[in-house]
PDB file of N, CA and C in Angstrom:
ATOM      1  N   UNK A   1    -126.139 -95.673 194.450  1.00  0.00           N
ATOM      2  CA  UNK A   1    -125.643 -96.337 193.354  1.00  0.00           C
ATOM      3  C   UNK A   1    -123.909 -95.680 193.068  1.00  0.00           C
ATOM      4  N   UNK A   2    -123.796 -97.203 193.498  1.00  0.00           N
ATOM      5  CA  UNK A   2    -122.032 -97.879 192.939  1.00  0.00           C
ATOM      6  C   UNK A   2    -121.392 -96.828 191.091  1.00  0.00           C
ATOM      7  N   UNK A   3    -121.080 -96.748 190.855  1.00  0.00           N
ATOM      8  CA  UNK A   3    -119.861 -96.224 189.907  1.00  0.00           C
ATOM      9  C   UNK A   3    -119.480 -98.089 189.323  1.00  0.00           C
ATOM     10  N   UNK A   4    -119.592 -98.933 187.932  1.00  0.00           N
ATOM     11  CA  UNK A   4    -118.934 -99.915 187.916  1.00  0.00           C
ATOM     12  C   UNK A   4    -117.516 -99.795 186.223  1.00  0.00           C
ATOM     13  N   UNK A   5    -116.933 -99.763 186.378  1.00  0.00           N
ATOM     14  CA  UNK A   5    -115.920 -99.312 185.149  1.00  0.00           C
ATOM     15  C   UNK A   5    -115.445-100.663 184.485  1.00  0.00           C
ATOM     16  N   UNK A   6    -115.451-100.698 183.150  1.00  0.00           N
ATOM     17  CA  UNK A   6    -115.361-101.827 183.116  1.00  0.00           C
ATOM     18  C   UNK A   6    -113.747-102.286 183.606  1.00  0.00           C
ATOM     19  N   UNK A   7    -114.051-103.512 183.286  1.00  0.00           N
ATOM     20  CA  UNK A   7    -112.171-104.264 183.415  1.00  0.00           C
ATOM     21  C   UNK A   7    -110.800-103.851 183.235  1.00  0.00           C
ATOM     22  N   UNK A   8    -109.932-103.257 184.163  1.00  0.00           N
ATOM     23  CA  UNK A   8    -108.972-102.596 184.009  1.00  0.00           C
ATOM     24  C   UNK A   8    -108.975-101.401 184.233  1.00  0.00           C
ATOM     25  N   UNK A   9    -110.740-100.718 184.829  1.00  0.00           N
ATOM     26  CA  UNK A   9    -110.083 -99.025 184.568  1.00  0.00           C
ATOM     27  C   UNK A   9    -111.123 -98.447 185.894  1.00  0.00           C
ATOM     28  N   UNK A  10    -111.001 -97.654 186.261  1.00  0.00           N
ATOM     29  CA  UNK A  10    -111.071 -97.365 187.731  1.00  0.00           C
ATOM     30  C   UNK A  10    -111.529 -95.712 187.649  1.00  0.00           C
ATOM     31  N   UNK A  11    -111.469 -95.649 188.643  1.00  0.00           N
ATOM     32  CA  UNK A  11    -112.304 -93.806 189.566  1.00  0.00           C
ATOM     33  C   UNK A  11    -111.258 -93.133 188.538  1.00  0.00           C
ATOM     34  N   UNK A  12    -109.808 -93.526 189.495  1.00  0.00           N
ATOM     35  CA  UNK A  12    -108.714 -92.759 189.308  1.00  0.00           C
ATOM     36  C   UNK A  12    -107.699 -92.970 187.765  1.00  0.00           C
ATOM     37  N   UNK A  13    -108.037 -93.597 187.023  1.00  0.00           N
ATOM     38  CA  UNK A  13    -107.751 -93.702 185.527  1.00  0.00           C
ATOM     39  C   UNK A  13    -108.936 -93.298 184.523  1.00  0.00           C
ATOM     40  N   UNK A  14    -109.910 -93.090 185.090  1.00  0.00           N
ATOM     41  CA  UNK A  14    -110.849 -91.987 184.480  1.00  0.00           C
ATOM     42  C   UNK A  14    -110.846 -90.483 185.048  1.00  0.00           C
ATOM     43  N   UNK A  15    -110.204 -90.641 185.868  1.00  0.00           N
ATOM     44  CA  UNK A  15    -109.957 -88.905 186.281  1.00  0.00           C
ATOM     45  C   UNK A  15    -109.246 -88.605 185.636  1.00  0.00           C
ATOM     46  N   UNK A  16    -108.304 -89.323 184.750  1.00  0.00           N
ATOM     47  CA  UNK A  16    -106.754 -88.649 184.129  1.00  0.00           C
ATOM     48  C   UNK A  16    -106.817 -88.470 183.050  1.00  0.00           C
ATOM     49  N   UNK A  17    -107.936 -89.710 182.390  1.00  0.00           N
ATOM     50  CA  UNK A  17    -108.580 -90.047 181.457  1.00  0.00           C
ATOM     51  C   UNK A  17    -108.528 -87.935 180.956  1.00  0.00           C
ATOM     52  N   UNK A  18    -110.033 -88.097 181.954  1.00  0.00           N
ATOM     53  CA  UNK A  18    -110.810 -86.333 181.863  1.00  0.00           C
ATOM     54  C   UNK A  18    -110.066 -85.083 181.791  1.00  0.00           C
ATOM     55  N   UNK A  19    -108.904 -85.420 183.256  1.00  0.00           N
ATOM     56  CA  UNK A  19    -107.941 -84.316 182.593  1.00  0.00           C
ATOM     57  C   UNK A  19    -107.093 -84.259 182.073  1.00  0.00           C
ATOM     58  N   UNK A  20    -106.315 -85.482 180.830  1.00  0.00           N
ATOM     59  CA  UNK A  20    -105.780 -85.458 180.193  1.00  0.00           C
ATOM     60  C   UNK A  20    -106.392 -84.439 178.774  1.00  0.00           C
ATOM     61  N   UNK A  21    -107.924 -85.209 178.852  1.00  0.00           N
ATOM     62  CA  UNK A  21    -108.667 -83.739 176.779  1.00  0.00           C
ATOM     63  C   UNK A  21    -109.124 -82.841 177.948  1.00  0.00           C
ATOM     64  N   UNK A  22    -109.402 -82.603 178.641  1.00  0.00           N
ATOM     65  CA  UNK A  22    -110.254 -81.619 178.842  1.00  0.00           C
ATOM     66  C   UNK A  22    -108.253 -80.473 179.272  1.00  0.00           C
ATOM     67  N   UNK A  23    -107.743 -80.690 180.094  1.00  0.00           N
ATOM     68  CA  UNK A  23    -106.192 -79.611 179.198  1.00  0.00           C
ATOM     69  C   UNK A  23    -105.672 -79.240 178.340  1.00  0.00           C
ATOM     70  N   UNK A  24    -105.761 -80.145 176.928  1.00  0.00           N
ATOM     71  CA  UNK A  24    -105.744 -80.342 175.245  1.00  0.00           C
ATOM     72  C   UNK A  24    -106.389 -78.800 175.402  1.00  0.00           C
ATOM     73  N   UNK A  25    -105.189 -78.418 174.216  1.00  0.00           N
ATOM     74  CA  UNK A  25    -105.675 -77.058 172.899  1.00  0.00           C
ATOM     75  C   UNK A  25    -105.598 -77.971 172.302  1.00  0.00           C
ATOM     76  N   UNK A  26    -106.981 -76.910 171.708  1.00  0.00           N
ATOM     77  CA  UNK A  26    -107.462 -77.365 169.907  1.00  0.00           C
ATOM     78  C   UNK A  26    -106.624 -78.412 169.017  1.00  0.00           C
ATOM     79  N   UNK A  27    -104.898 -77.412 168.819  1.00  0.00           N
ATOM     80  CA  UNK A  27    -104.529 -77.868 168.627  1.00  0.00           C
ATOM     81  C   UNK A  27    -103.948 -79.237 169.001  1.00  0.00           C
ATOM     82  N   UNK A  28    -103.458 -78.944 170.672  1.00  0.00           N
ATOM     83  CA  UNK A  28    -103.088 -80.904 170.382  1.00  0.00           C
ATOM     84  C   UNK A  28    -104.679 -81.338 170.653  1.00  0.00           C
ATOM     85  N   UNK A  29    -104.751 -80.702 169.555  1.00  0.00           N
ATOM     86  CA  UNK A  29    -106.731 -82.414 170.317  1.00  0.00           C
ATOM     87  C   UNK A  29    -106.782 -82.760 168.839  1.00  0.00           C
ATOM     88  N   UNK A  30    -105.951 -81.917 167.828  1.00  0.00           N
ATOM     89  CA  UNK A  30    -106.606 -81.825 166.191  1.00  0.00           C
ATOM     90  C   UNK A  30    -105.030 -83.113 165.414  1.00  0.00           C
ATOM     91  N   UNK A  31    -103.980 -82.564 166.146  1.00  0.00           N
ATOM     92  CA  UNK A  31    -103.522 -83.266 165.902  1.00  0.00           C
ATOM     93  C   UNK A  31    -103.621 -85.232 166.548  1.00  0.00           C
ATOM     94  N   UNK A  32    -103.830 -84.636 167.937  1.00  0.00           N
ATOM     95  CA  UNK A  32    -103.910 -86.173 168.418  1.00  0.00           C
ATOM     96  C   UNK A  32    -105.343 -86.944 166.890  1.00  0.00           C
ATOM     97  N   UNK A  33    -105.931 -86.130 166.610  1.00  0.00           N
ATOM     98  CA  UNK A  33    -106.860 -87.033 166.031  1.00  0.00           C
ATOM     99  C   UNK A  33    -106.530 -87.436 164.567  1.00  0.00           C
ATOM    100  N   UNK A  34    -105.297 -85.975 163.460  1.00  0.00           N
ATOM    101  CA  UNK A  34    -104.516 -86.623 162.952  1.00  0.00           C
ATOM    102  C   UNK A  34    -103.874 -87.580 162.594  1.00  0.00           C
ATOM    103  N   UNK A  35    -103.141 -88.024 163.868  1.00  0.00           N
ATOM    104  CA  UNK A  35    -102.274 -88.936 163.951  1.00  0.00           C
ATOM    105  C   UNK A  35    -102.743 -90.096 164.009  1.00  0.00           C
ATOM    106  N   UNK A  36    -103.930 -90.436 163.812  1.00  0.00           N
ATOM    107  CA  UNK A  36    -104.658 -91.288 164.431  1.00  0.00           C
ATOM    108  C   UNK A  36    -105.153 -91.779 163.146  1.00  0.00           C
ATOM    109  N   UNK A  37    -105.396 -90.671 161.521  1.00  0.00           N
ATOM    110  CA  UNK A  37    -106.411 -91.673 160.779  1.00  0.00           C
ATOM    111  C   UNK A  37    -104.862 -92.209 160.341  1.00  0.00           C
ATOM    112  N   UNK A  38    -103.084 -91.049 160.337  1.00  0.00           N
ATOM    113  CA  UNK A  38    -101.841 -91.772 159.475  1.00  0.00           C
ATOM    114  C   UNK A  38    -101.641 -92.883 160.199  1.00  0.00           C
ATOM    115  N   UNK A  39    -102.299 -94.074 161.377  1.00  0.00           N
ATOM    116  CA  UNK A  39    -101.391 -94.731 161.493  1.00  0.00           C
ATOM    117  C   UNK A  39    -101.634 -95.708 160.875  1.00  0.00           C
ATOM    118  N   UNK A  40    -102.463 -95.829 158.894  1.00  0.00           N
ATOM    119  CA  UNK A  40    -103.214 -96.920 158.394  1.00  0.00           C
ATOM    120  C   UNK A  40    -103.309 -97.843 159.692  1.00  0.00           C
ATOM    121  N   UNK A  41    -103.788 -98.762 159.709  1.00  0.00           N
ATOM    122  CA  UNK A  41    -104.487 -99.993 160.483  1.00  0.00           C
ATOM    123  C   UNK A  41    -105.492-100.258 161.074  1.00  0.00           C
ATOM    124  N   UNK A  42    -106.797 -99.266 160.494  1.00  0.00           N
ATOM    125  CA  UNK A  42    -107.699 -99.128 160.447  1.00  0.00           C
ATOM    126  C   UNK A  42    -108.380 -97.854 159.768  1.00  0.00           C
ATOM    127  N   UNK A  43    -109.506 -98.024 159.161  1.00  0.00           N
ATOM    128  CA  UNK A  43    -111.041 -97.186 158.157  1.00  0.00           C
ATOM    129  C   UNK A  43    -112.155 -96.618 159.291  1.00  0.00           C
ATOM    130  N   UNK A  44    -111.561 -95.542 158.901  1.00  0.00           N
ATOM    131  CA  UNK A  44    -113.176 -94.704 158.815  1.00  0.00           C
ATOM    132  C   UNK A  44    -114.051 -94.593 158.197  1.00  0.00           C
ATOM    133  N   UNK A  45    -115.613 -95.611 158.059  1.00  0.00           N
ATOM    134  CA  UNK A  45    -116.512 -94.681 157.007  1.00  0.00           C
ATOM    135  C   UNK A  45    -117.906 -94.765 157.526  1.00  0.00           C
ATOM    136  N   UNK A  46    -118.528 -94.534 157.109  1.00  0.00           N
ATOM    137  CA  UNK A  46    -119.892 -94.289 157.152  1.00  0.00           C
ATOM    138  C   UNK A  46    -120.782 -95.615 156.867  1.00  0.00           C
ATOM    139  N   UNK A  47    -121.029 -96.269 157.797  1.00  0.00           N
ATOM    140  CA  UNK A  47    -122.243 -97.234 157.145  1.00  0.00           C
ATOM    141  C   UNK A  47    -123.954 -96.815 158.157  1.00  0.00           C
ATOM    142  N   UNK A  48    -124.304 -97.683 157.423  1.00  0.00           N
ATOM    143  CA  UNK A  48    -125.953 -97.234 157.295  1.00  0.00           C
ATOM    144  C   UNK A  48    -126.316 -97.258 158.437  1.00  0.00           C
ATOM    145  N   UNK A  49    -127.102 -97.624 159.755  1.00  0.00           N
ATOM    146  CA  UNK A  49    -127.612 -97.818 161.280  1.00  0.00           C
ATOM    147  C   UNK A  49    -128.180 -99.560 161.316  1.00  0.00           C
ATOM    148  N   UNK A  50    -129.127 -98.968 160.737  1.00  0.00           N
ATOM    149  CA  UNK A  50    -129.287-100.404 160.585  1.00  0.00           C
ATOM    150  C   UNK A  50    -128.067-101.956 160.326  1.00  0.00           C
ATOM    151  N   UNK A  51    -126.948-101.383 159.351  1.00  0.00           N
ATOM    152  CA  UNK A  51    -125.913-102.786 159.469  1.00  0.00           C
ATOM    153  C   UNK A  51    -124.935-102.681 160.488  1.00  0.00           C
ATOM    154  N   UNK A  52    -125.386-101.889 161.591  1.00  0.00           N
ATOM    155  CA  UNK A  52    -124.752-101.170 162.350  1.00  0.00           C
ATOM    156  C   UNK A  52    -123.837-103.238 162.906  1.00  0.00           C
ATOM    157  N   UNK A  53    -125.399-103.427 163.940  1.00  0.00           N
ATOM    158  CA  UNK A  53    -124.920-105.020 164.479  1.00  0.00           C
ATOM    159  C   UNK A  53    -124.621-105.754 163.353  1.00  0.00           C
ATOM    160  N   UNK A  54    -124.781-106.149 162.191  1.00  0.00           N
ATOM    161  CA  UNK A  54    -123.616-106.503 161.501  1.00  0.00           C
ATOM    162  C   UNK A  54    -121.951-106.594 160.820  1.00  0.00           C
ATOM    163  N   UNK A  55    -122.077-105.254 160.814  1.00  0.00           N
ATOM    164  CA  UNK A  55    -120.691-104.722 161.186  1.00  0.00           C
ATOM    165  C   UNK A  55    -120.348-105.708 161.661  1.00  0.00           C
ATOM    166  N   UNK A  56    -121.178-104.921 163.674  1.00  0.00           N
ATOM    167  CA  UNK A  56    -120.489-104.963 164.181  1.00  0.00           C
ATOM    168  C   UNK A  56    -120.060-106.271 164.900  1.00  0.00           C
ATOM    169  N   UNK A  57    -120.585-108.107 164.723  1.00  0.00           N
ATOM    170  CA  UNK A  57    -120.265-109.481 164.513  1.00  0.00           C
ATOM    171  C   UNK A  57    -119.302-109.478 164.199  1.00  0.00           C
ATOM    172  N   UNK A  58    -119.175-109.051 162.564  1.00  0.00           N
ATOM    173  CA  UNK A  58    -118.373-108.830 161.451  1.00  0.00           C
ATOM    174  C   UNK A  58    -116.960-108.588 162.155  1.00  0.00           C
ATOM    175  N   UNK A  59    -116.678-107.737 162.884  1.00  0.00           N
ATOM    176  CA  UNK A  59    -115.330-107.429 163.205  1.00  0.00           C
ATOM    177  C   UNK A  59    -115.190-108.037 164.833  1.00  0.00           C
ATOM    178  N   UNK A  60    -116.240-107.555 165.519  1.00  0.00           N
ATOM    179  CA  UNK A  60    -115.500-109.496 166.447  1.00  0.00           C
ATOM    180  C   UNK A  60    -115.418-110.598 165.969  1.00  0.00           C
ATOM    181  N   UNK A  61    -116.302-111.279 165.418  1.00  0.00           N
ATOM    182  CA  UNK A  61    -115.373-112.478 164.402  1.00  0.00           C
ATOM    183  C   UNK A  61    -113.721-111.974 163.815  1.00  0.00           C
ATOM    184  N   UNK A  62    -113.686-111.121 163.681  1.00  0.00           N
ATOM    185  CA  UNK A  62    -112.497-111.592 162.805  1.00  0.00           C
ATOM    186  C   UNK A  62    -111.317-111.054 163.242  1.00  0.00           C
ATOM    187  N   UNK A  63    -111.956-110.547 164.705  1.00  0.00           N
ATOM    188  CA  UNK A  63    -111.086-109.994 165.994  1.00  0.00           C
ATOM    189  C   UNK A  63    -110.624-111.571 166.815  1.00  0.00           C
ATOM    190  N   UNK A  64    -111.512-112.912 166.683  1.00  0.00           N
ATOM    191  CA  UNK A  64    -112.018-113.991 167.744  1.00  0.00           C
ATOM    192  C   UNK A  64    -110.959-114.706 166.746  1.00  0.00           C
ATOM    193  N   UNK A  65    -111.044-114.700 165.584  1.00  0.00           N
ATOM    194  CA  UNK A  65    -109.936-115.610 164.744  1.00  0.00           C
ATOM    195  C   UNK A  65    -108.570-114.745 164.080  1.00  0.00           C
ATOM    196  N   UNK A  66    -108.313-113.754 164.840  1.00  0.00           N
ATOM    197  CA  UNK A  66    -107.308-113.101 164.809  1.00  0.00           C
ATOM    198  C   UNK A  66    -106.456-113.354 165.520  1.00  0.00           C
ATOM    199  N   UNK A  67    -107.068-113.856 166.993  1.00  0.00           N
ATOM    200  CA  UNK A  67    -106.968-113.910 168.311  1.00  0.00           C
ATOM    201  C   UNK A  67    -106.132-115.684 168.321  1.00  0.00           C
ATOM    202  N   UNK A  68    -106.446-116.307 167.861  1.00  0.00           N
ATOM    203  CA  UNK A  68    -106.427-117.187 167.904  1.00  0.00           C
ATOM    204  C   UNK A  68    -105.233-118.378 166.998  1.00  0.00           C
ATOM    205  N   UNK A  69    -104.884-117.086 166.513  1.00  0.00           N
ATOM    206  CA  UNK A  69    -103.383-117.091 164.861  1.00  0.00           C
ATOM    207  C   UNK A  69    -102.615-117.362 165.847  1.00  0.00           C
TER     208      UNK A  69
END
């Protein structure tokens, strides 16, 4: 069986990403997570599981509209 990667990804890129996270200390991982939340361009919240497909569709439509601006 052959591995398939998304466009722009390769086995080498996957290896580098894994290596990055495997070498991170717990403190570095926490700092990275906190920095992501401080960016302010996105929000994290809980959604009932049965609504996830509808939310994904809304996000996809929003991204499409933003890309055509």
